[in-house]
Amino acid sequence: MQCSNSHILEIDSVNLSFKEKTVLSGVYLKVETGCVTALLGSNGSGKSCLMRILSGELNADFKSIRIDGVWHEKLTREHILYLPQYCSIPKNITVATAFDDFDIDYEGFCRFFPEFRSFRNYKIGDLSGGTQRMMETYLILTSNAPFVMLDEPFSQITLIDIDKIKQLINREKEHKGILLTDHMYQNVLDVSDNMYVLSERTVYQAKSKEDLIKYGYIRHL
């Protein structure tokens, strides 16, 4: 799909190895504002590693990162925010403090998730895993960063809340570039404009579900 983008993030020629094991080799990926880009692959294929390289949490053996054609040695939180598979917000701070730190209106969150209105003064560590997940996903998605990465955002939450997260993704992609991966791949496909499959240490662009079979991600439709 051609996106009506205003900014383009590219990561190119990514090589990553741990000791003698090659994890990523010659990887290229493009994320555009106005689009949701799916990153699919089996467990252990390197999806989280690639996201961590983009976020600056993991050093690659080699990489080239560009935003609108301008090379960046390392991206900052002003460029991109990352939702990892675990809750990265300190467990000892309150919900209100977390929203203040992100400079995001808590009332806006409550309008989207009214069932959480009473949680304002709770500590993050006192919330259920699913509530933490939705809250952090909301904070990342509604931040001022032009690019965001979501690693397993649909895990630990109910079907109703999955639908709300999809609505939020579709709303926020109008002015963000979103890179998304989740083992619940149908949810990913529901909101994605472009797809990549990470297989055999490299990335392939997929145009259809048939390509997901071709590159070994699924066995049949």
Protein backbone atom coordinates (compact mmCIF):
# COMPACT_ATOMS: atom_id res chain seq x y z
CA MET A 1 0.00 0.00 0.00
CA GLN A 2 1.21 3.51 -0.80
CA CYS A 3 0.94 5.67 2.30
CA SER A 4 0.36 9.40 2.29
CA ASN A 5 3.50 9.83 4.34
CA SER A 6 5.34 12.89 5.51
CA HIS A 7 8.26 11.06 7.16
CA ILE A 8 10.09 7.83 6.37
CA LEU A 9 12.24 5.78 8.75
CA GLU A 10 14.57 3.22 7.19
CA ILE A 11 16.93 0.75 8.78
CA ASP A 12 19.28 -0.99 6.38
CA SER A 13 22.09 -3.56 6.23
CA VAL A 14 21.47 -4.75 9.80
CA ASN A 15 23.82 -7.48 10.97
CA LEU A 16 23.56 -8.93 14.46
CA SER A 17 25.27 -11.92 15.97
CA PHE A 18 25.74 -13.37 19.44
CA LYS A 19 29.07 -15.18 19.68
CA GLU A 20 29.00 -17.49 16.63
CA LYS A 21 25.24 -17.34 16.04
CA THR A 22 23.98 -14.96 13.35
CA VAL A 23 20.58 -13.51 14.29
CA LEU A 24 20.07 -10.85 11.60
CA SER A 25 21.85 -10.52 8.26
CA GLY A 26 21.42 -7.73 5.71
CA VAL A 27 18.03 -6.67 7.08
CA TYR A 28 16.14 -3.74 5.51
CA LEU A 29 12.89 -2.29 6.87
CA LYS A 30 10.90 0.86 6.12
CA VAL A 31 8.28 2.52 8.35
CA GLU A 32 6.23 5.46 7.06
CA THR A 33 4.03 7.92 8.90
CA GLY A 34 0.41 7.37 7.91
CA CYS A 35 0.96 3.60 7.88
CA VAL A 36 1.03 0.58 10.15
CA THR A 37 3.87 -1.75 9.21
CA ALA A 38 3.63 -5.37 10.33
CA LEU A 39 6.76 -7.29 11.29
CA LEU A 40 5.94 -11.00 11.37
CA GLY A 41 8.09 -14.00 12.16
CA SER A 42 8.28 -17.10 14.29
CA ASN A 43 9.39 -17.00 17.92
CA GLY A 44 13.11 -16.41 18.13
CA SER A 45 13.41 -15.06 14.58
CA GLY A 46 14.81 -11.71 15.77
CA LYS A 47 11.80 -9.37 15.68
CA SER A 48 12.36 -8.01 19.19
CA CYS A 49 16.10 -7.72 18.51
CA LEU A 50 15.40 -5.55 15.47
CA MET A 51 13.07 -3.32 17.48
CA ARG A 52 15.62 -3.04 20.27
CA ILE A 53 18.28 -2.01 17.75
CA LEU A 54 15.97 0.74 16.48
CA SER A 55 15.24 1.87 20.03
CA GLY A 56 18.94 1.96 20.90
CA GLU A 57 18.68 -0.75 23.57
CA LEU A 58 20.77 -3.22 21.55
CA ASN A 59 23.92 -2.62 19.55
CA ALA A 60 24.11 -4.24 16.13
CA ASP A 61 27.33 -5.39 14.50
CA PHE A 62 26.36 -3.05 11.66
CA LYS A 63 23.35 -0.92 10.79
CA SER A 64 22.36 2.17 8.83
CA ILE A 65 19.40 4.23 10.08
CA ARG A 66 17.87 7.08 8.09
CA ILE A 67 14.94 9.43 8.68
CA ASP A 68 13.84 11.23 5.53
CA GLY A 69 17.18 10.30 3.98
CA VAL A 70 19.25 11.77 6.83
CA TRP A 71 21.58 9.29 8.52
CA HIS A 72 21.36 8.89 12.33
CA GLU A 73 23.92 7.03 14.38
CA LYS A 74 21.31 6.49 17.09
CA LEU A 75 17.64 7.38 17.49
CA THR A 76 16.31 9.10 20.60
CA ARG A 77 12.93 9.20 22.33
CA GLU A 78 12.16 12.27 20.25
CA HIS A 79 12.35 10.05 17.15
CA ILE A 80 10.88 6.75 18.31
CA LEU A 81 9.29 5.05 21.32
CA TYR A 82 9.24 1.32 21.99
CA LEU A 83 6.66 -0.85 23.75
CA PRO A 84 8.60 -3.97 24.81
CA GLN A 85 6.99 -7.27 25.78
CA TYR A 86 7.34 -6.38 29.47
CA CYS A 87 6.08 -3.32 31.36
CA SER A 88 8.90 -0.78 31.23
CA ILE A 89 7.26 1.83 33.48
CA PRO A 90 8.71 1.81 37.03
CA LYS A 91 6.40 -0.21 39.26
CA ASN A 92 6.73 2.13 42.25
CA ILE A 93 5.29 5.26 40.59
CA THR A 94 1.61 6.12 40.37
CA VAL A 95 -0.49 6.04 37.22
CA ALA A 96 -0.85 9.84 37.44
CA THR A 97 2.93 10.24 37.56
CA ALA A 98 3.35 8.02 34.51
CA PHE A 99 0.92 10.15 32.51
CA ASP A 100 2.64 13.32 33.72
CA ASP A 101 6.03 11.93 32.67
CA PHE A 102 4.70 11.30 29.15
CA ASP A 103 2.89 14.68 29.19
CA ILE A 104 -0.37 12.91 28.28
CA ASP A 105 -3.82 13.79 29.58
CA TYR A 106 -5.21 11.10 31.87
CA GLU A 107 -8.79 12.19 31.13
CA GLY A 108 -8.23 11.38 27.46
CA PHE A 109 -7.25 7.85 28.48
CA CYS A 110 -10.35 7.55 30.68
CA ARG A 111 -12.58 8.64 27.81
CA PHE A 112 -11.13 5.78 25.79
CA PHE A 113 -11.04 3.31 28.71
CA PRO A 114 -13.67 4.59 31.22
CA GLU A 115 -13.34 1.47 33.37
CA PHE A 116 -9.89 2.69 34.50
CA ARG A 117 -10.97 6.10 35.79
CA SER A 118 -10.48 5.07 39.43
CA PHE A 119 -6.86 3.93 38.93
CA ARG A 120 -5.28 7.39 38.86
CA ASN A 121 -3.54 7.11 42.24
CA TYR A 122 -2.69 3.41 42.02
CA LYS A 123 0.94 2.38 41.75
CA ILE A 124 1.81 0.73 38.45
CA GLY A 125 2.91 -2.41 40.28
CA ASP A 126 -0.53 -2.78 41.88
CA LEU A 127 -2.30 -3.06 38.50
CA SER A 128 -2.99 -6.31 36.69
CA GLY A 129 -0.71 -7.26 33.82
CA GLY A 130 -3.46 -6.55 31.30
CA THR A 131 -4.15 -3.09 32.73
CA GLN A 132 -0.45 -2.25 32.70
CA ARG A 133 -0.30 -3.39 29.07
CA MET A 134 -3.19 -1.22 27.90
CA MET A 135 -1.95 1.79 29.84
CA GLU A 136 1.59 1.62 28.47
CA THR A 137 0.31 0.94 24.94
CA TYR A 138 -1.88 4.04 25.18
CA LEU A 139 1.04 6.15 26.48
CA ILE A 140 3.34 5.02 23.66
CA LEU A 141 0.73 5.41 20.92
CA THR A 142 -0.46 8.86 21.97
CA SER A 143 3.02 10.26 22.62
CA ASN A 144 4.59 12.99 20.50
CA ALA A 145 7.10 10.60 18.92
CA PRO A 146 6.64 10.40 15.14
CA PHE A 147 7.47 6.67 15.13
CA VAL A 148 6.44 3.98 17.61
CA MET A 149 7.10 0.25 17.88
CA LEU A 150 4.65 -2.13 19.54
CA ASP A 151 5.94 -5.57 20.55
CA GLU A 152 3.03 -7.89 21.48
CA PRO A 153 0.50 -5.15 22.36
CA PHE A 154 -2.44 -7.59 22.24
CA SER A 155 -1.06 -9.98 24.87
CA GLN A 156 -2.73 -10.29 28.29
CA ILE A 157 -5.81 -8.24 27.32
CA THR A 158 -9.45 -9.12 26.56
CA LEU A 159 -11.03 -9.29 23.12
CA ILE A 160 -12.97 -6.09 23.81
CA ASP A 161 -9.78 -4.26 24.75
CA ILE A 162 -7.98 -5.68 21.71
CA ASP A 163 -10.64 -4.02 19.56
CA LYS A 164 -10.09 -0.73 21.40
CA ILE A 165 -6.32 -0.94 20.85
CA LYS A 166 -6.98 -1.53 17.15
CA GLN A 167 -9.19 1.58 17.08
CA LEU A 168 -6.43 3.55 18.78
CA ILE A 169 -3.81 2.30 16.31
CA ASN A 170 -6.01 3.31 13.37
CA ARG A 171 -6.54 6.75 14.91
CA GLU A 172 -2.91 7.42 15.76
CA LYS A 173 -1.44 6.18 12.47
CA GLU A 174 -2.80 9.31 10.79
CA HIS A 175 0.23 11.19 12.09
CA LYS A 176 2.62 8.42 13.15
CA GLY A 177 4.59 5.58 11.67
CA ILE A 178 3.76 2.42 13.60
CA LEU A 179 5.81 -0.80 13.56
CA LEU A 180 3.77 -3.67 14.99
CA THR A 181 4.39 -7.30 15.84
CA ASP A 182 2.30 -9.82 17.77
CA HIS A 183 1.94 -13.60 17.77
CA MET A 184 -1.83 -13.04 17.32
CA TYR A 185 -1.07 -12.27 13.69
CA GLN A 186 -4.66 -11.85 12.47
CA ASN A 187 -5.01 -8.84 14.78
CA VAL A 188 -1.82 -7.45 13.24
CA LEU A 189 -3.09 -7.99 9.70
CA ASP A 190 -6.40 -6.30 10.56
CA VAL A 191 -4.66 -2.95 11.08
CA SER A 192 -1.57 -3.22 8.87
CA ASP A 193 -0.91 -1.44 5.59
CA ASN A 194 2.46 -3.06 4.86
CA MET A 195 3.95 -6.40 5.90
CA TYR A 196 7.43 -7.78 6.37
CA VAL A 197 8.34 -11.34 7.34
CA LEU A 198 11.54 -12.08 9.24
CA SER A 199 12.75 -15.53 8.23
CA GLU A 200 16.15 -17.21 8.05
CA ARG A 201 17.87 -14.15 9.56
CA THR A 202 16.62 -11.68 6.96
CA VAL A 203 13.46 -9.74 6.06
CA TYR A 204 11.11 -10.18 3.11
CA GLN A 205 8.32 -7.83 2.10
CA ALA A 206 4.97 -9.61 1.90
CA LYS A 207 2.09 -8.49 -0.29
CA SER A 208 -0.52 -11.08 0.71
CA LYS A 209 -1.30 -14.01 2.99
CA GLU A 210 0.05 -16.27 0.24
CA ASP A 211 3.43 -14.63 0.79
CA LEU A 212 3.20 -15.49 4.48
CA ILE A 213 3.00 -19.14 3.41
CA LYS A 214 5.81 -18.68 0.87
CA TYR A 215 8.15 -17.30 3.52
CA GLY A 216 7.24 -19.99 6.05
CA TYR A 217 5.34 -17.86 8.57
CA ILE A 218 2.03 -19.74 8.26
CA ARG A 219 1.30 -23.15 6.76
CA HIS A 220 -2.09 -22.53 5.18
CA LEU A 221 -4.81 -19.89 4.84
